[in-house]
Amino acid sequence: MNLGRSYKIAVREARGLLWSTGGGLIVGTFWAATGLIFTLNLFQFERGIRLAAQQASKLQSGPAGVHINDWVVSQTFDLTGGVLFIFFIPLLTMRAFAEERRTGNLELLMSQPLAGSELLIGKLAGSVLALVSCLSIFLVYGVVLGIVSTPDWTATLVGALGLVLLGILFTSIGTLLSVLTRSPIEAAVLTLGILLLIVTGPAMMSNGPEWVRGMAEFLSVEGRFRDFSHGVFDLSHVAFFLGSSLLLWAASLRGLDIVRWQG
């Protein structure tokens, strides 16, 4: 396997996603949405400080019960990963393979001296690079946090790691569905539905028998991500996200082989 080929595909894919008119609209909308969430949480934090100060009759550097990580950082991560990712990641992955199949370019790519794994790694890495570019706005939010307060940077970095791991998992799901479909719109709709099911499904299973609740807890992507967003680092969560992503990658590779065989 030649990773150099995968790198070239990844760069081309990321450029195609970000530098196109549609890609710029996606990134701009994502930044606007996260900016709105971050700003509203900041206002909420400021209101919480004032209320705590009034109750304590004195203003301290950090009034009891009011910490910027709880009011701003965790809430921003939760809403970004649990809501925005569900709607934006399908837009990043829907064209990865479905568009190539629709236009017939996939058959041309398959005829090149290019292994399926190289193509898949390149496409997936390109989508992840595009997602990381969307998340780059969080560096600006970090500067703002440092100006207005004193956040727990360790917990903040753990939350950022969780956001990236969640993004890789969701991107792997979108890539798999793009491999299996011929229409980008169909891939986007299917990805949206699957992501909604993954996020809300475990909660709906919480009222079942004990073994069902145990399964729901194990499969709860949202629950594992919330630990990250609240500054809790757990290696089992890292293994879950990366292991699930690898399984999806293997399924995508198998799907690509089937597509190649079908012509």
Protein backbone atom coordinates (compact mmCIF):
# COMPACT_ATOMS: atom_id res chain seq x y z
CA MET A 1 0.00 0.00 0.00
CA ASN A 2 1.38 3.39 -1.04
CA LEU A 3 0.40 6.02 1.52
CA GLY A 4 1.82 8.73 -0.73
CA ARG A 5 -1.04 8.10 -3.15
CA SER A 6 -3.52 8.23 -0.28
CA TYR A 7 -2.05 11.55 0.84
CA LYS A 8 -2.49 13.07 -2.63
CA ILE A 9 -6.09 11.86 -2.75
CA ALA A 10 -6.74 13.24 0.75
CA VAL A 11 -5.38 16.68 -0.15
CA ARG A 12 -7.38 16.76 -3.38
CA GLU A 13 -10.53 15.66 -1.56
CA ALA A 14 -10.12 18.26 1.20
CA ARG A 15 -9.48 21.01 -1.35
CA GLY A 16 -12.50 19.97 -3.35
CA LEU A 17 -14.67 20.12 -0.23
CA LEU A 18 -13.35 23.39 1.17
CA TRP A 19 -12.53 25.50 -1.87
CA SER A 20 -15.73 24.95 -3.78
CA THR A 21 -18.68 27.32 -3.43
CA GLY A 22 -20.70 24.67 -1.63
CA GLY A 23 -17.79 23.79 0.65
CA GLY A 24 -17.27 27.42 1.61
CA LEU A 25 -20.96 27.69 2.43
CA ILE A 26 -20.77 24.57 4.62
CA VAL A 27 -17.73 25.84 6.53
CA GLY A 28 -19.17 29.35 6.90
CA THR A 29 -22.48 28.02 8.19
CA PHE A 30 -20.71 25.69 10.61
CA TRP A 31 -18.59 28.53 11.96
CA ALA A 32 -21.65 30.76 12.32
CA ALA A 33 -23.57 28.03 14.17
CA THR A 34 -20.73 27.21 16.58
CA GLY A 35 -20.09 30.93 17.08
CA LEU A 36 -23.71 31.47 18.04
CA ILE A 37 -23.61 28.54 20.46
CA PHE A 38 -20.35 29.75 22.01
CA THR A 39 -21.58 33.34 22.36
CA LEU A 40 -24.89 32.33 23.96
CA ASN A 41 -23.04 30.10 26.42
CA LEU A 42 -20.69 32.99 27.29
CA PHE A 43 -23.66 35.23 28.04
CA GLN A 44 -25.14 32.47 30.17
CA PHE A 45 -21.85 32.15 32.05
CA GLU A 46 -21.71 35.90 32.67
CA ARG A 47 -25.29 35.83 33.96
CA GLY A 48 -24.41 32.91 36.25
CA ILE A 49 -21.45 34.83 37.69
CA ARG A 50 -23.65 37.83 38.46
CA LEU A 51 -26.28 35.70 40.15
CA ALA A 52 -23.67 33.84 42.21
CA ALA A 53 -22.02 37.13 43.18
CA GLN A 54 -25.34 38.59 44.31
CA GLN A 55 -26.09 35.54 46.41
CA ALA A 56 -22.65 35.57 47.99
CA SER A 57 -22.67 39.39 48.33
CA LYS A 58 -19.13 39.49 46.96
CA LEU A 59 -17.49 38.85 43.61
CA GLN A 60 -14.68 36.29 43.61
CA SER A 61 -12.47 35.12 40.75
CA GLY A 62 -14.70 32.12 40.36
CA PRO A 63 -17.98 32.16 42.28
CA ALA A 64 -18.94 28.84 43.81
CA GLY A 65 -20.77 26.59 41.38
CA VAL A 66 -19.90 28.72 38.34
CA HIS A 67 -17.01 27.49 36.20
CA ILE A 68 -16.47 28.39 32.57
CA ASN A 69 -15.80 24.77 31.60
CA ASP A 70 -19.22 23.70 32.88
CA TRP A 71 -21.12 26.66 31.46
CA VAL A 72 -19.32 27.27 28.17
CA VAL A 73 -16.77 24.63 27.15
CA SER A 74 -18.78 21.47 27.87
CA GLN A 75 -22.03 22.95 26.55
CA THR A 76 -20.38 24.10 23.31
CA PHE A 77 -18.75 20.70 22.76
CA ASP A 78 -22.00 18.85 23.54
CA LEU A 79 -24.09 20.87 21.11
CA THR A 80 -21.44 20.77 18.39
CA GLY A 81 -20.93 17.00 18.57
CA GLY A 82 -24.46 15.97 19.48
CA VAL A 83 -26.36 18.29 17.14
CA LEU A 84 -24.26 20.08 14.52
CA PHE A 85 -22.18 17.05 13.55
CA ILE A 86 -25.36 15.12 12.75
CA PHE A 87 -26.35 17.66 10.11
CA PHE A 88 -22.98 18.83 8.79
CA ILE A 89 -20.95 15.62 8.47
CA PRO A 90 -23.38 14.08 5.93
CA LEU A 91 -22.69 17.14 3.76
CA LEU A 92 -18.94 16.50 3.96
CA THR A 93 -19.09 12.78 3.14
CA MET A 94 -22.01 12.48 0.74
CA ARG A 95 -19.92 13.04 -2.41
CA ALA A 96 -16.88 10.95 -1.39
CA PHE A 97 -17.83 7.91 -3.49
CA ALA A 98 -21.47 8.42 -4.49
CA GLU A 99 -20.56 11.30 -6.80
CA GLU A 100 -17.72 9.28 -8.32
CA ARG A 101 -20.11 6.40 -8.99
CA ARG A 102 -22.77 8.69 -10.43
CA THR A 103 -20.37 10.33 -12.88
CA GLY A 104 -18.53 7.10 -13.73
CA ASN A 105 -15.22 8.38 -12.37
CA LEU A 106 -15.00 5.56 -9.85
CA GLU A 107 -14.56 2.98 -12.62
CA LEU A 108 -11.78 5.15 -14.05
CA LEU A 109 -10.08 5.34 -10.65
CA MET A 110 -10.41 1.60 -10.21
CA SER A 111 -8.69 1.03 -13.53
CA GLN A 112 -5.61 2.89 -12.31
CA PRO A 113 -2.75 1.13 -10.44
CA LEU A 114 -4.42 2.18 -7.21
CA ALA A 115 -5.39 -0.20 -4.40
CA GLY A 116 -8.88 0.10 -2.95
CA SER A 117 -7.40 0.66 0.50
CA GLU A 118 -5.31 3.59 -0.81
CA LEU A 119 -8.37 5.19 -2.37
CA LEU A 120 -10.48 4.64 0.73
CA ILE A 121 -7.86 5.99 3.13
CA GLY A 122 -7.40 9.05 0.92
CA LYS A 123 -11.12 9.77 0.67
CA LEU A 124 -11.71 9.26 4.40
CA ALA A 125 -8.66 11.31 5.38
CA GLY A 126 -9.79 14.10 3.06
CA SER A 127 -13.19 14.26 4.75
CA VAL A 128 -11.55 14.25 8.19
CA LEU A 129 -9.18 17.05 7.11
CA ALA A 130 -12.18 19.08 5.95
CA LEU A 131 -13.87 18.47 9.30
CA VAL A 132 -10.75 19.51 11.22
CA SER A 133 -10.69 22.69 9.12
CA CYS A 134 -14.25 23.36 10.26
CA LEU A 135 -13.17 22.80 13.87
CA SER A 136 -10.22 25.20 13.54
CA ILE A 137 -12.55 28.00 14.64
CA PHE A 138 -12.33 26.53 18.14
CA LEU A 139 -8.78 27.93 18.36
CA VAL A 140 -10.36 31.39 18.27
CA TYR A 141 -12.82 30.38 20.96
CA GLY A 142 -9.89 29.17 23.08
CA VAL A 143 -8.26 32.61 22.86
CA VAL A 144 -11.53 34.23 23.93
CA LEU A 145 -11.81 31.82 26.87
CA GLY A 146 -8.31 32.72 28.01
CA ILE A 147 -9.19 36.43 27.89
CA VAL A 148 -12.48 36.33 29.78
CA SER A 149 -11.68 33.65 32.37
CA THR A 150 -9.31 30.89 33.47
CA PRO A 151 -10.56 27.61 31.99
CA ASP A 152 -9.31 24.16 32.87
CA TRP A 153 -7.16 23.66 29.79
CA THR A 154 -6.59 19.95 30.42
CA ALA A 155 -10.33 19.29 30.50
CA THR A 156 -10.75 21.51 27.44
CA LEU A 157 -8.17 19.52 25.45
CA VAL A 158 -9.84 16.26 26.51
CA GLY A 159 -13.14 17.62 25.21
CA ALA A 160 -11.49 18.63 21.93
CA LEU A 161 -10.04 15.12 21.60
CA GLY A 162 -13.51 13.66 22.10
CA LEU A 163 -14.90 15.97 19.42
CA VAL A 164 -12.28 14.79 16.92
CA LEU A 165 -12.86 11.10 17.76
CA LEU A 166 -16.61 11.55 17.38
CA GLY A 167 -16.04 13.31 14.06
CA ILE A 168 -13.85 10.46 12.79
CA LEU A 169 -16.54 7.92 13.72
CA PHE A 170 -19.34 9.89 12.07
CA THR A 171 -17.18 10.53 9.00
CA SER A 172 -16.49 6.78 8.73
CA ILE A 173 -20.24 6.12 8.77
CA GLY A 174 -20.85 8.70 6.07
CA THR A 175 -18.04 7.30 3.92
CA LEU A 176 -19.45 3.77 4.16
CA LEU A 177 -22.89 4.92 3.07
CA SER A 178 -21.36 6.96 0.24
CA VAL A 179 -19.62 3.80 -0.98
CA LEU A 180 -22.91 1.91 -1.01
CA THR A 181 -24.99 4.50 -2.88
CA ARG A 182 -24.95 6.15 -6.30
CA SER A 183 -26.54 9.45 -5.31
CA PRO A 184 -24.92 12.06 -3.01
CA ILE A 185 -28.35 13.16 -1.79
CA GLU A 186 -29.26 9.57 -0.95
CA ALA A 187 -25.96 9.14 0.90
CA ALA A 188 -26.54 12.35 2.88
CA VAL A 189 -30.09 11.41 3.87
CA LEU A 190 -29.06 7.89 4.90
CA THR A 191 -26.12 9.22 6.91
CA LEU A 192 -28.35 11.77 8.64
CA GLY A 193 -30.84 9.05 9.58
CA ILE A 194 -28.17 6.67 10.87
CA LEU A 195 -26.48 9.39 12.94
CA LEU A 196 -29.81 10.40 14.46
CA LEU A 197 -30.50 6.76 15.32
CA ILE A 198 -27.04 6.32 16.86
CA VAL A 199 -27.42 9.40 19.05
CA THR A 200 -31.04 8.89 20.14
CA GLY A 201 -31.31 5.08 20.01
CA PRO A 202 -29.57 4.23 23.33
CA ALA A 203 -31.80 6.70 25.19
CA MET A 204 -34.89 4.99 23.80
CA MET A 205 -33.53 1.63 25.00
CA SER A 206 -33.00 2.86 28.57
CA ASN A 207 -36.48 1.74 29.67
CA GLY A 208 -36.00 -1.86 28.56
CA PRO A 209 -34.82 -4.92 30.52
CA GLU A 210 -31.53 -4.79 32.38
CA TRP A 211 -29.56 -6.49 29.59
CA VAL A 212 -30.99 -4.03 27.08
CA ARG A 213 -29.99 -1.11 29.30
CA GLY A 214 -26.51 -2.56 29.63
CA MET A 215 -26.22 -2.87 25.85
CA ALA A 216 -27.53 0.68 25.42
CA GLU A 217 -24.94 2.00 27.86
CA PHE A 218 -22.13 0.19 26.05
CA LEU A 219 -23.27 1.41 22.62
CA SER A 220 -24.05 4.95 23.77
CA VAL A 221 -21.89 7.14 21.56
CA GLU A 222 -23.38 10.25 23.12
CA GLY A 223 -22.68 9.04 26.67
CA ARG A 224 -19.05 8.29 25.86
CA PHE A 225 -18.65 11.63 24.12
CA ARG A 226 -20.18 13.50 27.06
CA ASP A 227 -17.46 12.09 29.31
CA PHE A 228 -14.88 13.65 26.99
CA SER A 229 -16.74 16.95 26.77
CA HIS A 230 -16.79 17.17 30.58
CA GLY A 231 -13.06 16.55 30.82
CA VAL A 232 -13.12 12.82 31.66
CA PHE A 233 -10.45 10.90 29.75
CA ASP A 234 -11.14 7.17 29.46
CA LEU A 235 -8.99 4.87 27.34
CA SER A 236 -11.93 2.51 26.85
CA HIS A 237 -13.80 5.36 25.13
CA VAL A 238 -10.81 6.03 22.87
CA ALA A 239 -10.66 2.33 22.00
CA PHE A 240 -14.42 2.30 21.30
CA PHE A 241 -14.31 5.24 18.89
CA LEU A 242 -11.17 4.12 17.06
CA GLY A 243 -12.21 0.45 17.00
CA SER A 244 -15.65 1.30 15.63
CA SER A 245 -14.08 3.55 13.00
CA LEU A 246 -11.73 0.76 11.92
CA LEU A 247 -14.63 -1.68 11.61
CA LEU A 248 -16.50 0.83 9.45
CA TRP A 249 -13.36 1.33 7.36
CA ALA A 250 -13.13 -2.44 6.82
CA ALA A 251 -16.80 -2.55 5.85
CA SER A 252 -16.24 0.33 3.41
CA LEU A 253 -13.29 -1.52 1.87
CA ARG A 254 -15.43 -4.62 1.44
CA GLY A 255 -18.18 -2.50 -0.12
CA LEU A 256 -15.65 -0.98 -2.50
CA ASP A 257 -14.54 -4.47 -3.54
CA ILE A 258 -18.17 -5.38 -4.27
CA VAL A 259 -18.60 -2.21 -6.32
CA ARG A 260 -15.44 -3.05 -8.27
CA TRP A 261 -16.69 -6.61 -8.89
CA GLN A 262 -20.09 -5.37 -10.06
CA GLY A 263 -18.43 -2.89 -12.38
